[in-house]
Amino acid sequence: MERQPVEHVVKVQIKDREFIYTGHMECLCVYPGDTIKWVLRNKLPYFVIIKALVSPLDISCKITGAGEEIKAKVYKGAAPGIYAYAIGTHDEKGLLIDDPDIIIKPPKGR
């Protein structure tokens, strides 16, 4: 039986100029066909940039307004591997940027 796609929710909060993640941040491990949804809990505009020549997601960069979410789908043909990405925002003191990884696992059920 083929694996059903999953939505992975990454909740991010900025506290004392540090990124605090809840959900999947020890390992943001996904499979082709899955969806990733980032939610910044602070009311700030933010962005996600995939730091790869060829993005494994259907976005390579997305900027959104305060209180909105960013969603991306992992391409069904995405190559397995570790992909760095940047998530960033700004506060009254300047830019805040973090660079966690997304791990794309080989497809299951084929």
PDB file of N, CA and C in Angstrom:
ATOM      1  N   MET A   1       0.839  -1.177   0.000  1.00  0.00           N
ATOM      2  CA  MET A   1       0.000   0.000   0.000  1.00  0.00           C
ATOM      3  C   MET A   1       0.888   1.245   0.000  1.00  0.00           C
ATOM      4  N   GLU A   2       0.523   2.213  -0.824  1.00  0.00           N
ATOM      5  CA  GLU A   2       1.296   3.442  -0.914  1.00  0.00           C
ATOM      6  C   GLU A   2       1.018   4.345   0.289  1.00  0.00           C
ATOM      7  N   ARG A   3       2.054   4.986   0.777  1.00  0.00           N
ATOM      8  CA  ARG A   3       1.958   5.893   1.920  1.00  0.00           C
ATOM      9  C   ARG A   3       1.134   7.125   1.540  1.00  0.00           C
ATOM     10  N   GLN A   4       0.252   7.555   2.439  1.00  0.00           N
ATOM     11  CA  GLN A   4      -0.550   8.754   2.231  1.00  0.00           C
ATOM     12  C   GLN A   4       0.263   9.998   2.621  1.00  0.00           C
ATOM     13  N   PRO A   5       0.167  11.088   1.855  1.00  0.00           N
ATOM     14  CA  PRO A   5       0.894  12.314   2.203  1.00  0.00           C
ATOM     15  C   PRO A   5       0.468  12.849   3.577  1.00  0.00           C
ATOM     16  N   VAL A   6       1.400  13.509   4.245  1.00  0.00           N
ATOM     17  CA  VAL A   6       1.186  14.058   5.588  1.00  0.00           C
ATOM     18  C   VAL A   6       1.481  15.551   5.555  1.00  0.00           C
ATOM     19  N   GLU A   7       0.732  16.324   6.353  1.00  0.00           N
ATOM     20  CA  GLU A   7       1.051  17.742   6.531  1.00  0.00           C
ATOM     21  C   GLU A   7       1.857  17.894   7.813  1.00  0.00           C
ATOM     22  N   HIS A   8       3.044  18.478   7.703  1.00  0.00           N
ATOM     23  CA  HIS A   8       3.932  18.724   8.834  1.00  0.00           C
ATOM     24  C   HIS A   8       3.815  20.199   9.204  1.00  0.00           C
ATOM     25  N   VAL A   9       3.425  20.487  10.441  1.00  0.00           N
ATOM     26  CA  VAL A   9       3.253  21.865  10.893  1.00  0.00           C
ATOM     27  C   VAL A   9       4.454  22.245  11.752  1.00  0.00           C
ATOM     28  N   VAL A  10       5.128  23.315  11.362  1.00  0.00           N
ATOM     29  CA  VAL A  10       6.269  23.832  12.105  1.00  0.00           C
ATOM     30  C   VAL A  10       5.847  25.169  12.703  1.00  0.00           C
ATOM     31  N   LYS A  11       5.679  25.181  14.016  1.00  0.00           N
ATOM     32  CA  LYS A  11       5.309  26.415  14.706  1.00  0.00           C
ATOM     33  C   LYS A  11       6.587  27.074  15.218  1.00  0.00           C
ATOM     34  N   VAL A  12       6.719  28.357  14.911  1.00  0.00           N
ATOM     35  CA  VAL A  12       7.928  29.104  15.246  1.00  0.00           C
ATOM     36  C   VAL A  12       7.531  30.291  16.115  1.00  0.00           C
ATOM     37  N   GLN A  13       8.326  30.536  17.146  1.00  0.00           N
ATOM     38  CA  GLN A  13       8.122  31.705  17.991  1.00  0.00           C
ATOM     39  C   GLN A  13       9.475  32.371  18.202  1.00  0.00           C
ATOM     40  N   ILE A  14       9.483  33.692  18.165  1.00  0.00           N
ATOM     41  CA  ILE A  14      10.699  34.460  18.450  1.00  0.00           C
ATOM     42  C   ILE A  14      10.600  34.933  19.896  1.00  0.00           C
ATOM     43  N   LYS A  15      11.611  34.572  20.692  1.00  0.00           N
ATOM     44  CA  LYS A  15      11.658  35.006  22.092  1.00  0.00           C
ATOM     45  C   LYS A  15      13.095  35.402  22.406  1.00  0.00           C
ATOM     46  N   ASP A  16      13.267  36.621  22.875  1.00  0.00           N
ATOM     47  CA  ASP A  16      14.610  37.145  23.161  1.00  0.00           C
ATOM     48  C   ASP A  16      15.517  37.001  21.948  1.00  0.00           C
ATOM     49  N   ARG A  17      14.967  37.292  20.753  1.00  0.00           N
ATOM     50  CA  ARG A  17      15.692  37.257  19.480  1.00  0.00           C
ATOM     51  C   ARG A  17      16.186  35.860  19.101  1.00  0.00           C
ATOM     52  N   GLU A  18      15.611  34.821  19.687  1.00  0.00           N
ATOM     53  CA  GLU A  18      15.945  33.429  19.376  1.00  0.00           C
ATOM     54  C   GLU A  18      14.727  32.739  18.774  1.00  0.00           C
ATOM     55  N   PHE A  19      14.974  31.806  17.865  1.00  0.00           N
ATOM     56  CA  PHE A  19      13.910  31.015  17.254  1.00  0.00           C
ATOM     57  C   PHE A  19      13.619  29.811  18.145  1.00  0.00           C
ATOM     58  N   ILE A  20      12.357  29.633  18.482  1.00  0.00           N
ATOM     59  CA  ILE A  20      11.918  28.481  19.263  1.00  0.00           C
ATOM     60  C   ILE A  20      10.905  27.733  18.400  1.00  0.00           C
ATOM     61  N   TYR A  21      11.163  26.442  18.187  1.00  0.00           N
ATOM     62  CA  TYR A  21      10.330  25.626  17.312  1.00  0.00           C
ATOM     63  C   TYR A  21       9.544  24.620  18.130  1.00  0.00           C
ATOM     64  N   THR A  22       8.313  24.369  17.702  1.00  0.00           N
ATOM     65  CA  THR A  22       7.535  23.270  18.258  1.00  0.00           C
ATOM     66  C   THR A  22       7.025  22.449  17.084  1.00  0.00           C
ATOM     67  N   GLY A  23       7.113  21.154  17.222  1.00  0.00           N
ATOM     68  CA  GLY A  23       6.681  20.265  16.149  1.00  0.00           C
ATOM     69  C   GLY A  23       7.758  20.046  15.119  1.00  0.00           C
ATOM     70  N   HIS A  24       8.289  18.870  15.025  1.00  0.00           N
ATOM     71  CA  HIS A  24       9.184  18.404  13.961  1.00  0.00           C
ATOM     72  C   HIS A  24      10.546  19.069  13.901  1.00  0.00           C
ATOM     73  N   MET A  25      10.969  19.830  14.875  1.00  0.00           N
ATOM     74  CA  MET A  25      12.232  20.526  14.666  1.00  0.00           C
ATOM     75  C   MET A  25      13.459  19.725  15.070  1.00  0.00           C
ATOM     76  N   GLU A  26      13.314  18.655  15.826  1.00  0.00           N
ATOM     77  CA  GLU A  26      14.487  17.811  16.035  1.00  0.00           C
ATOM     78  C   GLU A  26      14.866  17.178  14.703  1.00  0.00           C
ATOM     79  N   CYS A  27      13.869  16.873  13.910  1.00  0.00           N
ATOM     80  CA  CYS A  27      14.099  16.358  12.558  1.00  0.00           C
ATOM     81  C   CYS A  27      12.862  16.691  11.736  1.00  0.00           C
ATOM     82  N   LEU A  28      12.997  17.623  10.840  1.00  0.00           N
ATOM     83  CA  LEU A  28      11.901  17.898   9.913  1.00  0.00           C
ATOM     84  C   LEU A  28      12.079  16.916   8.766  1.00  0.00           C
ATOM     85  N   CYS A  29      11.639  15.697   9.030  1.00  0.00           N
ATOM     86  CA  CYS A  29      11.790  14.593   8.078  1.00  0.00           C
ATOM     87  C   CYS A  29      10.485  14.433   7.318  1.00  0.00           C
ATOM     88  N   VAL A  30      10.568  14.535   6.001  1.00  0.00           N
ATOM     89  CA  VAL A  30       9.379  14.477   5.168  1.00  0.00           C
ATOM     90  C   VAL A  30       9.606  13.491   4.026  1.00  0.00           C
ATOM     91  N   TYR A  31       8.531  13.163   3.343  1.00  0.00           N
ATOM     92  CA  TYR A  31       8.572  12.276   2.182  1.00  0.00           C
ATOM     93  C   TYR A  31       8.018  13.023   0.974  1.00  0.00           C
ATOM     94  N   PRO A  32       8.391  12.600  -0.228  1.00  0.00           N
ATOM     95  CA  PRO A  32       7.785  13.185  -1.422  1.00  0.00           C
ATOM     96  C   PRO A  32       6.255  13.133  -1.330  1.00  0.00           C
ATOM     97  N   GLY A  33       5.615  14.236  -1.704  1.00  0.00           N
ATOM     98  CA  GLY A  33       4.160  14.344  -1.645  1.00  0.00           C
ATOM     99  C   GLY A  33       3.635  14.974  -0.374  1.00  0.00           C
ATOM    100  N   ASP A  34       4.460  15.032   0.688  1.00  0.00           N
ATOM    101  CA  ASP A  34       4.042  15.666   1.938  1.00  0.00           C
ATOM    102  C   ASP A  34       3.961  17.176   1.777  1.00  0.00           C
ATOM    103  N   THR A  35       3.324  17.832   2.735  1.00  0.00           N
ATOM    104  CA  THR A  35       3.224  19.285   2.782  1.00  0.00           C
ATOM    105  C   THR A  35       3.866  19.773   4.071  1.00  0.00           C
ATOM    106  N   ILE A  36       4.531  20.923   3.997  1.00  0.00           N
ATOM    107  CA  ILE A  36       5.096  21.570   5.180  1.00  0.00           C
ATOM    108  C   ILE A  36       4.381  22.902   5.349  1.00  0.00           C
ATOM    109  N   LYS A  37       3.948  23.176   6.576  1.00  0.00           N
ATOM    110  CA  LYS A  37       3.289  24.449   6.867  1.00  0.00           C
ATOM    111  C   LYS A  37       4.051  25.124   8.006  1.00  0.00           C
ATOM    112  N   TRP A  38       4.563  26.334   7.739  1.00  0.00           N
ATOM    113  CA  TRP A  38       5.238  27.125   8.754  1.00  0.00           C
ATOM    114  C   TRP A  38       4.260  28.162   9.296  1.00  0.00           C
ATOM    115  N   VAL A  39       4.259  28.319  10.618  1.00  0.00           N
ATOM    116  CA  VAL A  39       3.402  29.306  11.266  1.00  0.00           C
ATOM    117  C   VAL A  39       4.268  30.087  12.249  1.00  0.00           C
ATOM    118  N   LEU A  40       4.425  31.377  12.022  1.00  0.00           N
ATOM    119  CA  LEU A  40       5.151  32.229  12.962  1.00  0.00           C
ATOM    120  C   LEU A  40       4.143  32.763  13.971  1.00  0.00           C
ATOM    121  N   ARG A  41       4.338  32.417  15.229  1.00  0.00           N
ATOM    122  CA  ARG A  41       3.370  32.785  16.266  1.00  0.00           C
ATOM    123  C   ARG A  41       3.429  34.264  16.625  1.00  0.00           C
ATOM    124  N   ASN A  42       4.570  34.908  16.421  1.00  0.00           N
ATOM    125  CA  ASN A  42       4.674  36.351  16.627  1.00  0.00           C
ATOM    126  C   ASN A  42       3.955  37.046  15.469  1.00  0.00           C
ATOM    127  N   LYS A  43       3.429  38.187  15.702  1.00  0.00           N
ATOM    128  CA  LYS A  43       2.715  38.920  14.651  1.00  0.00           C
ATOM    129  C   LYS A  43       3.695  39.779  13.857  1.00  0.00           C
ATOM    130  N   LEU A  44       4.542  39.090  13.093  1.00  0.00           N
ATOM    131  CA  LEU A  44       5.552  39.743  12.266  1.00  0.00           C
ATOM    132  C   LEU A  44       5.514  39.142  10.865  1.00  0.00           C
ATOM    133  N   PRO A  45       5.849  39.920   9.836  1.00  0.00           N
ATOM    134  CA  PRO A  45       6.017  39.316   8.523  1.00  0.00           C
ATOM    135  C   PRO A  45       7.256  38.414   8.566  1.00  0.00           C
ATOM    136  N   TYR A  46       7.283  37.369   7.738  1.00  0.00           N
ATOM    137  CA  TYR A  46       8.444  36.483   7.734  1.00  0.00           C
ATOM    138  C   TYR A  46       8.612  35.840   6.375  1.00  0.00           C
ATOM    139  N   PHE A  47       9.741  35.125   6.207  1.00  0.00           N
ATOM    140  CA  PHE A  47      10.033  34.478   4.935  1.00  0.00           C
ATOM    141  C   PHE A  47      10.651  33.110   5.158  1.00  0.00           C
ATOM    142  N   VAL A  48      10.554  32.288   4.119  1.00  0.00           N
ATOM    143  CA  VAL A  48      11.234  30.998   4.046  1.00  0.00           C
ATOM    144  C   VAL A  48      11.933  30.957   2.695  1.00  0.00           C
ATOM    145  N   ILE A  49      13.223  30.623   2.708  1.00  0.00           N
ATOM    146  CA  ILE A  49      14.006  30.489   1.485  1.00  0.00           C
ATOM    147  C   ILE A  49      14.680  29.123   1.507  1.00  0.00           C
ATOM    148  N   ILE A  50      14.502  28.360   0.447  1.00  0.00           N
ATOM    149  CA  ILE A  50      15.172  27.075   0.314  1.00  0.00           C
ATOM    150  C   ILE A  50      16.559  27.346  -0.262  1.00  0.00           C
ATOM    151  N   LYS A  51      17.580  26.911   0.459  1.00  0.00           N
ATOM    152  CA  LYS A  51      18.960  27.191   0.041  1.00  0.00           C
ATOM    153  C   LYS A  51      19.511  26.028  -0.776  1.00  0.00           C
ATOM    154  N   ALA A  52      18.964  25.855  -1.977  1.00  0.00           N
ATOM    155  CA  ALA A  52      19.412  24.805  -2.892  1.00  0.00           C
ATOM    156  C   ALA A  52      19.246  25.321  -4.314  1.00  0.00           C
ATOM    157  N   LEU A  53      20.110  24.864  -5.208  1.00  0.00           N
ATOM    158  CA  LEU A  53      19.978  25.279  -6.609  1.00  0.00           C
ATOM    159  C   LEU A  53      18.656  24.815  -7.190  1.00  0.00           C
ATOM    160  N   VAL A  54      18.220  23.619  -6.794  1.00  0.00           N
ATOM    161  CA  VAL A  54      16.931  23.088  -7.217  1.00  0.00           C
ATOM    162  C   VAL A  54      16.148  22.759  -5.955  1.00  0.00           C
ATOM    163  N   SER A  55      15.061  23.467  -5.741  1.00  0.00           N
ATOM    164  CA  SER A  55      14.256  23.265  -4.535  1.00  0.00           C
ATOM    165  C   SER A  55      13.507  21.943  -4.603  1.00  0.00           C
ATOM    166  N   PRO A  56      13.482  21.196  -3.488  1.00  0.00           N
ATOM    167  CA  PRO A  56      12.674  19.979  -3.447  1.00  0.00           C
ATOM    168  C   PRO A  56      11.198  20.290  -3.198  1.00  0.00           C
ATOM    169  N   LEU A  57      10.895  21.567  -2.976  1.00  0.00           N
ATOM    170  CA  LEU A  57       9.531  22.009  -2.685  1.00  0.00           C
ATOM    171  C   LEU A  57       8.965  22.779  -3.867  1.00  0.00           C
ATOM    172  N   ASP A  58       7.669  22.985  -3.853  1.00  0.00           N
ATOM    173  CA  ASP A  58       7.046  23.747  -4.939  1.00  0.00           C
ATOM    174  C   ASP A  58       7.239  25.254  -4.774  1.00  0.00           C
ATOM    175  N   ILE A  59       8.042  25.653  -3.786  1.00  0.00           N
ATOM    176  CA  ILE A  59       8.470  27.045  -3.651  1.00  0.00           C
ATOM    177  C   ILE A  59       9.984  27.037  -3.452  1.00  0.00           C
ATOM    178  N   SER A  60      10.618  28.119  -3.801  1.00  0.00           N
ATOM    179  CA  SER A  60      12.024  28.285  -3.446  1.00  0.00           C
ATOM    180  C   SER A  60      12.173  29.470  -2.497  1.00  0.00           C
ATOM    181  N   CYS A  61      11.179  30.358  -2.509  1.00  0.00           N
ATOM    182  CA  CYS A  61      11.179  31.515  -1.616  1.00  0.00           C
ATOM    183  C   CYS A  61       9.739  31.989  -1.453  1.00  0.00           C
ATOM    184  N   LYS A  62       9.384  32.325  -0.233  1.00  0.00           N
ATOM    185  CA  LYS A  62       8.027  32.845   0.014  1.00  0.00           C
ATOM    186  C   LYS A  62       8.110  33.855   1.147  1.00  0.00           C
ATOM    187  N   ILE A  63       7.457  34.987   0.964  1.00  0.00           N
ATOM    188  CA  ILE A  63       7.362  36.034   1.982  1.00  0.00           C
ATOM    189  C   ILE A  63       5.893  36.208   2.304  1.00  0.00           C
ATOM    190  N   THR A  64       5.573  36.375   3.582  1.00  0.00           N
ATOM    191  CA  THR A  64       4.173  36.527   3.954  1.00  0.00           C
ATOM    192  C   THR A  64       4.012  37.604   5.013  1.00  0.00           C
ATOM    193  N   GLY A  65       2.806  38.083   5.145  1.00  0.00           N
ATOM    194  CA  GLY A  65       2.502  39.114   6.128  1.00  0.00           C
ATOM    195  C   GLY A  65       2.297  38.543   7.518  1.00  0.00           C
ATOM    196  N   ALA A  66       2.199  39.427   8.472  1.00  0.00           N
ATOM    197  CA  ALA A  66       2.007  39.038   9.871  1.00  0.00           C
ATOM    198  C   ALA A  66       0.740  38.203  10.026  1.00  0.00           C
ATOM    199  N   GLY A  67       0.850  37.111  10.783  1.00  0.00           N
ATOM    200  CA  GLY A  67      -0.303  36.270  11.075  1.00  0.00           C
ATOM    201  C   GLY A  67      -0.666  35.269   9.996  1.00  0.00           C
ATOM    202  N   GLU A  68       0.071  35.246   8.888  1.00  0.00           N
ATOM    203  CA  GLU A  68      -0.225  34.309   7.799  1.00  0.00           C
ATOM    204  C   GLU A  68       0.703  33.106   7.887  1.00  0.00           C
ATOM    205  N   GLU A  69       0.374  32.058   7.160  1.00  0.00           N
ATOM    206  CA  GLU A  69       1.200  30.847   7.145  1.00  0.00           C
ATOM    207  C   GLU A  69       1.844  30.690   5.775  1.00  0.00           C
ATOM    208  N   ILE A  70       2.919  29.923   5.754  1.00  0.00           N
ATOM    209  CA  ILE A  70       3.575  29.570   4.495  1.00  0.00           C
ATOM    210  C   ILE A  70       3.443  28.065   4.332  1.00  0.00           C
ATOM    211  N   LYS A  71       2.957  27.653   3.159  1.00  0.00           N
ATOM    212  CA  LYS A  71       2.794  26.229   2.864  1.00  0.00           C
ATOM    213  C   LYS A  71       3.618  25.875   1.641  1.00  0.00           C
ATOM    214  N   ALA A  72       4.198  24.686   1.684  1.00  0.00           N
ATOM    215  CA  ALA A  72       4.946  24.186   0.533  1.00  0.00           C
ATOM    216  C   ALA A  72       4.735  22.686   0.425  1.00  0.00           C
ATOM    217  N   LYS A  73       4.651  22.211  -0.790  1.00  0.00           N
ATOM    218  CA  LYS A  73       4.507  20.774  -1.028  1.00  0.00           C
ATOM    219  C   LYS A  73       5.842  20.216  -1.500  1.00  0.00           C
ATOM    220  N   VAL A  74       6.199  19.050  -0.969  1.00  0.00           N
ATOM    221  CA  VAL A  74       7.409  18.360  -1.406  1.00  0.00           C
ATOM    222  C   VAL A  74       7.088  17.695  -2.742  1.00  0.00           C
ATOM    223  N   TYR A  75       7.892  18.004  -3.757  1.00  0.00           N
ATOM    224  CA  TYR A  75       7.665  17.389  -5.068  1.00  0.00           C
ATOM    225  C   TYR A  75       7.701  15.870  -4.960  1.00  0.00           C
ATOM    226  N   LYS A  76       6.845  15.217  -5.707  1.00  0.00           N
ATOM    227  CA  LYS A  76       6.828  13.745  -5.702  1.00  0.00           C
ATOM    228  C   LYS A  76       8.154  13.173  -6.193  1.00  0.00           C
ATOM    229  N   GLY A  77       8.846  13.886  -7.060  1.00  0.00           N
ATOM    230  CA  GLY A  77      10.132  13.421  -7.575  1.00  0.00           C
ATOM    231  C   GLY A  77      11.336  14.021  -6.857  1.00  0.00           C
ATOM    232  N   ALA A  78      11.113  14.627  -5.685  1.00  0.00           N
ATOM    233  CA  ALA A  78      12.218  15.260  -4.952  1.00  0.00           C
ATOM    234  C   ALA A  78      13.291  14.241  -4.585  1.00  0.00           C
ATOM    235  N   ALA A  79      14.536  14.615  -4.825  1.00  0.00           N
ATOM    236  CA  ALA A  79      15.656  13.727  -4.500  1.00  0.00           C
ATOM    237  C   ALA A  79      15.836  13.650  -2.988  1.00  0.00           C
ATOM    238  N   PRO A  80      16.003  12.453  -2.440  1.00  0.00           N
ATOM    239  CA  PRO A  80      16.270  12.319  -1.010  1.00  0.00           C
ATOM    240  C   PRO A  80      17.551  13.071  -0.645  1.00  0.00           C
ATOM    241  N   GLY A  81      17.576  13.628   0.558  1.00  0.00           N
ATOM    242  CA  GLY A  81      18.766  14.333   1.010  1.00  0.00           C
ATOM    243  C   GLY A  81      18.446  15.340   2.087  1.00  0.00           C
ATOM    244  N   ILE A  82      19.461  16.086   2.476  1.00  0.00           N
ATOM    245  CA  ILE A  82      19.329  17.132   3.499  1.00  0.00           C
ATOM    246  C   ILE A  82      19.371  18.472   2.787  1.00  0.00           C
ATOM    247  N   TYR A  83      18.356  19.283   3.016  1.00  0.00           N
ATOM    248  CA  TYR A  83      18.235  20.582   2.370  1.00  0.00           C
ATOM    249  C   TYR A  83      18.169  21.670   3.439  1.00  0.00           C
ATOM    250  N   ALA A  84      19.107  22.594   3.395  1.00  0.00           N
ATOM    251  CA  ALA A  84      19.077  23.725   4.318  1.00  0.00           C
ATOM    252  C   ALA A  84      18.056  24.740   3.816  1.00  0.00           C
ATOM    253  N   TYR A  85      17.442  25.407   4.753  1.00  0.00           N
ATOM    254  CA  TYR A  85      16.571  26.520   4.386  1.00  0.00           C
ATOM    255  C   TYR A  85      16.759  27.619   5.412  1.00  0.00           C
ATOM    256  N   ALA A  86      16.342  28.810   5.060  1.00  0.00           N
ATOM    257  CA  ALA A  86      16.406  29.937   5.976  1.00  0.00           C
ATOM    258  C   ALA A  86      14.985  30.375   6.281  1.00  0.00           C
ATOM    259  N   ILE A  87      14.775  30.697   7.536  1.00  0.00           N
ATOM    260  CA  ILE A  87      13.522  31.324   7.947  1.00  0.00           C
ATOM    261  C   ILE A  87      13.928  32.612   8.644  1.00  0.00           C
ATOM    262  N   GLY A  88      13.239  33.676   8.336  1.00  0.00           N
ATOM    263  CA  GLY A  88      13.640  34.953   8.905  1.00  0.00           C
ATOM    264  C   GLY A  88      12.499  35.920   9.071  1.00  0.00           C
ATOM    265  N   THR A  89      12.760  36.905   9.911  1.00  0.00           N
ATOM    266  CA  THR A  89      11.809  37.970  10.184  1.00  0.00           C
ATOM    267  C   THR A  89      12.619  39.178  10.659  1.00  0.00           C
ATOM    268  N   HIS A  90      11.944  40.152  11.176  1.00  0.00           N
ATOM    269  CA  HIS A  90      12.645  41.301  11.756  1.00  0.00           C
ATOM    270  C   HIS A  90      11.866  41.774  12.967  1.00  0.00           C
ATOM    271  N   ASP A  91      12.590  42.372  13.880  1.00  0.00           N
ATOM    272  CA  ASP A  91      11.942  43.026  15.014  1.00  0.00           C
ATOM    273  C   ASP A  91      12.465  44.452  15.063  1.00  0.00           C
ATOM    274  N   GLU A  92      12.194  45.140  16.140  1.00  0.00           N
ATOM    275  CA  GLU A  92      12.604  46.546  16.229  1.00  0.00           C
ATOM    276  C   GLU A  92      14.119  46.717  16.229  1.00  0.00           C
ATOM    277  N   LYS A  93      14.885  45.642  16.448  1.00  0.00           N
ATOM    278  CA  LYS A  93      16.346  45.722  16.493  1.00  0.00           C
ATOM    279  C   LYS A  93      17.017  45.297  15.192  1.00  0.00           C
ATOM    280  N   GLY A  94      16.293  44.646  14.289  1.00  0.00           N
ATOM    281  CA  GLY A  94      16.893  44.244  13.020  1.00  0.00           C
ATOM    282  C   GLY A  94      16.431  42.881  12.550  1.00  0.00           C
ATOM    283  N   LEU A  95      17.160  42.339  11.552  1.00  0.00           N
ATOM    284  CA  LEU A  95      16.810  41.047  10.956  1.00  0.00           C
ATOM    285  C   LEU A  95      17.149  39.893  11.884  1.00  0.00           C
ATOM    286  N   LEU A  96      16.309  38.864  11.840  1.00  0.00           N
ATOM    287  CA  LEU A  96      16.529  37.617  12.574  1.00  0.00           C
ATOM    288  C   LEU A  96      16.425  36.487  11.567  1.00  0.00           C
ATOM    289  N   ILE A  97      17.468  35.649  11.488  1.00  0.00           N
ATOM    290  CA  ILE A  97      17.490  34.570  10.501  1.00  0.00           C
ATOM    291  C   ILE A  97      18.008  33.300  11.163  1.00  0.00           C
ATOM    292  N   ASP A  98      17.378  32.174  10.850  1.00  0.00           N
ATOM    293  CA  ASP A  98      17.820  30.873  11.316  1.00  0.00           C
ATOM    294  C   ASP A  98      17.925  29.953  10.102  1.00  0.00           C
ATOM    295  N   ASP A  99      18.715  28.884  10.220  1.00  0.00           N
ATOM    296  CA  ASP A  99      18.912  28.005   9.061  1.00  0.00           C
ATOM    297  C   ASP A  99      18.841  26.523   9.432  1.00  0.00           C
ATOM    298  N   PRO A 100      17.627  26.029   9.738  1.00  0.00           N
ATOM    299  CA  PRO A 100      17.454  24.595  10.000  1.00  0.00           C
ATOM    300  C   PRO A 100      17.468  23.785   8.697  1.00  0.00           C
ATOM    301  N   ASP A 101      17.309  22.479   8.817  1.00  0.00           N
ATOM    302  CA  ASP A 101      17.315  21.580   7.662  1.00  0.00           C
ATOM    303  C   ASP A 101      15.978  20.884   7.478  1.00  0.00           C
ATOM    304  N   ILE A 102      15.727  20.506   6.243  1.00  0.00           N
ATOM    305  CA  ILE A 102      14.629  19.606   5.892  1.00  0.00           C
ATOM    306  C   ILE A 102      15.302  18.326   5.396  1.00  0.00           C
ATOM    307  N   ILE A 103      14.887  17.187   5.915  1.00  0.00           N
ATOM    308  CA  ILE A 103      15.413  15.911   5.449  1.00  0.00           C
ATOM    309  C   ILE A 103      14.331  15.238   4.619  1.00  0.00           C
ATOM    310  N   ILE A 104      14.643  15.007   3.347  1.00  0.00           N
ATOM    311  CA  ILE A 104      13.702  14.318   2.452  1.00  0.00           C
ATOM    312  C   ILE A 104      14.109  12.856   2.415  1.00  0.00           C
ATOM    313  N   LYS A 105      13.202  12.008   2.838  1.00  0.00           N
ATOM    314  CA  LYS A 105      13.465  10.570   2.863  1.00  0.00           C
ATOM    315  C   LYS A 105      13.032   9.946   1.539  1.00  0.00           C
ATOM    316  N   PRO A 106      13.616   8.795   1.208  1.00  0.00           N
ATOM    317  CA  PRO A 106      13.198   8.117  -0.037  1.00  0.00           C
ATOM    318  C   PRO A 106      11.721   7.732   0.039  1.00  0.00           C
ATOM    319  N   PRO A 107      11.027   7.729  -1.092  1.00  0.00           N
ATOM    320  CA  PRO A 107       9.607   7.379  -1.089  1.00  0.00           C
ATOM    321  C   PRO A 107       9.371   5.974  -0.535  1.00  0.00           C
ATOM    322  N   LYS A 108       8.261   5.814   0.151  1.00  0.00           N
ATOM    323  CA  LYS A 108       7.866   4.512   0.691  1.00  0.00           C
ATOM    324  C   LYS A 108       6.716   3.953  -0.143  1.00  0.00           C
ATOM    325  N   GLY A 109       6.571   2.663  -0.106  1.00  0.00           N
ATOM    326  CA  GLY A 109       5.395   2.037  -0.699  1.00  0.00           C
ATOM    327  C   GLY A 109       5.428   1.908  -2.194  1.00  0.00           C
ATOM    328  N   ARG A 110       6.615   1.924  -2.772  1.00  0.00           N
ATOM    329  CA  ARG A 110       6.676   1.769  -4.241  1.00  0.00           C
ATOM    330  C   ARG A 110       7.295   0.469  -4.606  1.00  0.00           C
TER     331      ARG A 110
END
